[in-house]
């Protein structure tokens, strides 16, 4: 029973946390884009552009890894067979 509870934890909560964690990166991208609209210093503008690109990459990785964890997980019947073996 404890093994199944741990498997359910990994099965549902880890992918959801990965996707929800991407929301913090989306918020930071929004803040950086807003700051980029009013910034006049060229060095700061370049830093903001690089930050936006890196956070977009982080969002893509977080969402895609969360979705892939949902899609590539074994069926619950496979878990019971692995526990017996």
N, C-alpha and C. Protein backbone atom coordinates (compact mmCIF):
# COMPACT_ATOMS: atom_id res chain seq x y z
N UNK A 1 0.83 -1.20 0.00
CA UNK A 1 0.00 0.00 0.00
C UNK A 1 0.87 1.26 0.00
N UNK A 2 1.95 1.22 0.75
CA UNK A 2 2.81 2.39 0.82
C UNK A 2 3.49 2.66 -0.52
N UNK A 3 3.82 1.61 -1.23
CA UNK A 3 4.44 1.76 -2.55
C UNK A 3 3.49 2.44 -3.52
N UNK A 4 2.21 2.06 -3.48
CA UNK A 4 1.22 2.66 -4.36
C UNK A 4 1.03 4.13 -4.02
N UNK A 5 1.05 4.47 -2.75
CA UNK A 5 0.90 5.87 -2.35
C UNK A 5 2.09 6.69 -2.86
N UNK A 6 3.28 6.15 -2.78
CA UNK A 6 4.45 6.86 -3.29
C UNK A 6 4.41 6.98 -4.80
N UNK A 7 3.90 5.97 -5.46
CA UNK A 7 3.78 6.02 -6.91
C UNK A 7 2.76 7.07 -7.33
N UNK A 8 1.67 7.17 -6.58
CA UNK A 8 0.68 8.20 -6.89
C UNK A 8 1.24 9.60 -6.68
N UNK A 9 2.09 9.75 -5.67
CA UNK A 9 2.74 11.03 -5.43
C UNK A 9 3.57 11.43 -6.65
N UNK A 10 4.35 10.52 -7.15
CA UNK A 10 5.19 10.81 -8.31
C UNK A 10 4.33 10.97 -9.56
N UNK A 11 3.30 10.17 -9.65
CA UNK A 11 2.48 10.16 -10.85
C UNK A 11 1.74 11.48 -11.06
N UNK A 12 1.21 12.05 -10.00
CA UNK A 12 0.36 13.23 -10.17
C UNK A 12 1.00 14.52 -9.68
N UNK A 13 1.65 14.51 -8.56
CA UNK A 13 2.08 15.77 -7.96
C UNK A 13 3.35 16.34 -8.59
N UNK A 14 4.27 15.50 -8.94
CA UNK A 14 5.52 16.00 -9.52
C UNK A 14 5.29 16.70 -10.86
N UNK A 15 4.52 16.11 -11.80
CA UNK A 15 4.27 16.83 -13.05
C UNK A 15 3.49 18.12 -12.84
N UNK A 16 2.54 18.10 -11.92
CA UNK A 16 1.77 19.32 -11.65
C UNK A 16 2.67 20.40 -11.07
N UNK A 17 3.56 20.04 -10.18
CA UNK A 17 4.49 21.03 -9.61
C UNK A 17 5.43 21.58 -10.67
N UNK A 18 5.83 20.75 -11.61
CA UNK A 18 6.70 21.20 -12.69
C UNK A 18 5.99 22.24 -13.55
N UNK A 19 4.74 21.97 -13.85
CA UNK A 19 3.97 22.90 -14.68
C UNK A 19 3.65 24.17 -13.89
N UNK A 20 3.29 24.04 -12.63
CA UNK A 20 3.00 25.22 -11.82
C UNK A 20 4.26 26.06 -11.58
N UNK A 21 5.40 25.41 -11.48
CA UNK A 21 6.65 26.15 -11.32
C UNK A 21 6.96 27.04 -12.51
N UNK A 22 6.48 26.64 -13.68
CA UNK A 22 6.67 27.45 -14.88
C UNK A 22 5.91 28.77 -14.78
N UNK A 23 4.87 28.81 -13.95
CA UNK A 23 4.10 30.06 -13.82
C UNK A 23 4.95 31.17 -13.21
N UNK A 24 5.90 30.82 -12.34
CA UNK A 24 6.79 31.83 -11.79
C UNK A 24 7.69 32.41 -12.88
N UNK A 25 8.13 31.55 -13.80
CA UNK A 25 8.96 32.03 -14.91
C UNK A 25 8.14 32.90 -15.86
N UNK A 26 6.88 32.55 -16.07
CA UNK A 26 6.01 33.36 -16.92
C UNK A 26 5.82 34.74 -16.30
N UNK A 27 5.65 34.78 -14.99
CA UNK A 27 5.51 36.06 -14.29
C UNK A 27 6.77 36.90 -14.45
N UNK A 28 7.93 36.28 -14.36
CA UNK A 28 9.18 37.02 -14.50
C UNK A 28 9.36 37.54 -15.93
N UNK A 29 8.95 36.74 -16.91
CA UNK A 29 9.01 37.20 -18.31
C UNK A 29 8.13 38.43 -18.48
N UNK A 30 6.94 38.39 -17.89
CA UNK A 30 6.04 39.54 -17.98
C UNK A 30 6.65 40.78 -17.35
N UNK A 31 7.28 40.61 -16.20
CA UNK A 31 7.93 41.76 -15.54
C UNK A 31 9.09 42.31 -16.38
N UNK A 32 9.87 41.41 -16.97
CA UNK A 32 11.00 41.85 -17.79
C UNK A 32 10.54 42.55 -19.06
N UNK A 33 9.48 42.07 -19.68
CA UNK A 33 8.95 42.72 -20.89
C UNK A 33 8.42 44.10 -20.54
N UNK A 34 7.75 44.22 -19.41
CA UNK A 34 7.25 45.52 -18.97
C UNK A 34 8.40 46.49 -18.69
N UNK A 35 9.46 46.00 -18.06
CA UNK A 35 10.61 46.85 -17.77
C UNK A 35 11.35 47.22 -19.06
N UNK A 36 11.34 46.33 -20.04
CA UNK A 36 12.03 46.59 -21.30
C UNK A 36 11.38 47.74 -22.07
N UNK A 37 10.08 47.91 -21.91
CA UNK A 37 9.36 48.97 -22.62
C UNK A 37 9.78 50.36 -22.17
N UNK A 38 10.22 50.50 -20.92
CA UNK A 38 10.55 51.82 -20.40
C UNK A 38 12.04 52.05 -20.20
N UNK A 39 12.84 51.01 -20.35
CA UNK A 39 14.29 51.14 -20.09
C UNK A 39 14.99 51.81 -21.26
N UNK A 40 15.91 52.75 -20.95
CA UNK A 40 16.64 53.45 -22.00
C UNK A 40 18.12 53.07 -22.04
N UNK A 41 18.65 52.55 -20.95
CA UNK A 41 20.06 52.15 -20.91
C UNK A 41 20.26 50.89 -21.76
N UNK A 42 21.18 50.96 -22.71
CA UNK A 42 21.37 49.86 -23.66
C UNK A 42 21.87 48.58 -23.00
N UNK A 43 22.73 48.72 -22.01
CA UNK A 43 23.24 47.53 -21.32
C UNK A 43 22.13 46.82 -20.54
N UNK A 44 21.30 47.59 -19.88
CA UNK A 44 20.20 47.01 -19.12
C UNK A 44 19.18 46.39 -20.08
N UNK A 45 18.94 47.03 -21.23
CA UNK A 45 18.02 46.46 -22.22
C UNK A 45 18.54 45.11 -22.74
N UNK A 46 19.85 45.03 -22.96
CA UNK A 46 20.42 43.78 -23.43
C UNK A 46 20.28 42.69 -22.35
N UNK A 47 20.52 43.06 -21.10
CA UNK A 47 20.35 42.10 -20.01
C UNK A 47 18.90 41.62 -19.91
N UNK A 48 17.96 42.52 -20.09
CA UNK A 48 16.55 42.14 -20.03
C UNK A 48 16.19 41.20 -21.18
N UNK A 49 16.71 41.47 -22.36
CA UNK A 49 16.42 40.60 -23.51
C UNK A 49 16.97 39.19 -23.29
N UNK A 50 18.18 39.10 -22.75
CA UNK A 50 18.76 37.79 -22.47
C UNK A 50 17.95 37.08 -21.38
N UNK A 51 17.54 37.83 -20.36
CA UNK A 51 16.73 37.26 -19.29
C UNK A 51 15.40 36.73 -19.83
N UNK A 52 14.77 37.47 -20.73
CA UNK A 52 13.51 37.04 -21.33
C UNK A 52 13.69 35.73 -22.10
N UNK A 53 14.75 35.65 -22.87
CA UNK A 53 15.01 34.43 -23.64
C UNK A 53 15.24 33.24 -22.71
N UNK A 54 16.03 33.43 -21.67
CA UNK A 54 16.32 32.33 -20.76
C UNK A 54 15.08 31.89 -19.97
N UNK A 55 14.25 32.84 -19.58
CA UNK A 55 13.03 32.46 -18.87
C UNK A 55 12.04 31.77 -19.80
N UNK A 56 11.97 32.20 -21.07
CA UNK A 56 11.13 31.49 -22.04
C UNK A 56 11.60 30.04 -22.18
N UNK A 57 12.89 29.85 -22.23
CA UNK A 57 13.45 28.50 -22.32
C UNK A 57 13.09 27.69 -21.07
N UNK A 58 13.17 28.31 -19.91
CA UNK A 58 12.81 27.64 -18.68
C UNK A 58 11.33 27.27 -18.65
N UNK A 59 10.47 28.14 -19.16
CA UNK A 59 9.04 27.84 -19.24
C UNK A 59 8.81 26.64 -20.14
N UNK A 60 9.45 26.63 -21.30
CA UNK A 60 9.28 25.53 -22.24
C UNK A 60 9.74 24.20 -21.64
N UNK A 61 10.86 24.22 -20.95
CA UNK A 61 11.38 23.00 -20.33
C UNK A 61 10.47 22.54 -19.19
N UNK A 62 10.01 23.46 -18.36
CA UNK A 62 9.15 23.09 -17.23
C UNK A 62 7.83 22.49 -17.68
N UNK A 63 7.20 23.11 -18.66
CA UNK A 63 5.91 22.60 -19.13
C UNK A 63 6.09 21.30 -19.89
N UNK A 64 7.10 21.23 -20.76
CA UNK A 64 7.28 19.99 -21.53
C UNK A 64 7.70 18.82 -20.65
N UNK A 65 8.51 19.07 -19.63
CA UNK A 65 8.89 17.96 -18.75
C UNK A 65 7.70 17.51 -17.90
N UNK A 66 6.87 18.44 -17.47
CA UNK A 66 5.67 18.06 -16.72
C UNK A 66 4.71 17.25 -17.56
N UNK A 67 4.50 17.67 -18.81
CA UNK A 67 3.60 16.93 -19.70
C UNK A 67 4.18 15.57 -20.06
N UNK A 68 5.49 15.51 -20.27
CA UNK A 68 6.09 14.22 -20.61
C UNK A 68 6.02 13.24 -19.43
N UNK A 69 6.12 13.76 -18.21
CA UNK A 69 5.96 12.88 -17.05
C UNK A 69 4.55 12.31 -16.97
N UNK A 70 3.55 13.11 -17.37
CA UNK A 70 2.19 12.60 -17.42
C UNK A 70 2.04 11.53 -18.50
N UNK A 71 2.62 11.76 -19.66
CA UNK A 71 2.41 10.89 -20.80
C UNK A 71 3.24 9.62 -20.77
N UNK A 72 4.41 9.65 -20.18
CA UNK A 72 5.32 8.52 -20.22
C UNK A 72 5.31 7.64 -18.98
N UNK A 73 4.36 7.85 -18.11
CA UNK A 73 4.33 7.05 -16.89
C UNK A 73 3.68 5.70 -17.15
N UNK A 74 4.10 4.69 -16.42
CA UNK A 74 3.53 3.35 -16.62
C UNK A 74 2.10 3.27 -16.11
N UNK A 75 1.38 2.29 -16.60
CA UNK A 75 0.01 2.06 -16.14
C UNK A 75 0.04 1.56 -14.69
N UNK A 76 -1.00 1.82 -13.92
CA UNK A 76 -1.02 1.36 -12.52
C UNK A 76 -0.87 -0.16 -12.40
N UNK A 77 -1.33 -0.92 -13.38
CA UNK A 77 -1.16 -2.37 -13.31
C UNK A 77 0.32 -2.76 -13.39
N UNK A 78 1.13 -1.98 -14.09
CA UNK A 78 2.56 -2.24 -14.16
C UNK A 78 3.23 -2.02 -12.80
N UNK A 79 2.71 -1.10 -12.00
CA UNK A 79 3.29 -0.85 -10.68
C UNK A 79 3.10 -2.04 -9.77
N UNK A 80 1.92 -2.64 -9.82
CA UNK A 80 1.68 -3.79 -8.93
C UNK A 80 2.55 -4.97 -9.35
N UNK A 81 2.81 -5.14 -10.65
CA UNK A 81 3.66 -6.22 -11.08
C UNK A 81 5.12 -5.97 -10.68
N UNK A 82 5.54 -4.72 -10.72
CA UNK A 82 6.91 -4.39 -10.34
C UNK A 82 7.11 -4.61 -8.84
N UNK A 83 6.08 -4.38 -8.07
CA UNK A 83 6.18 -4.57 -6.62
C UNK A 83 6.31 -6.03 -6.26
N UNK A 84 5.65 -6.89 -7.04
CA UNK A 84 5.72 -8.33 -6.75
C UNK A 84 7.06 -8.92 -7.19
N UNK A 85 7.68 -8.31 -8.20
CA UNK A 85 8.90 -8.87 -8.76
C UNK A 85 10.09 -8.47 -8.03
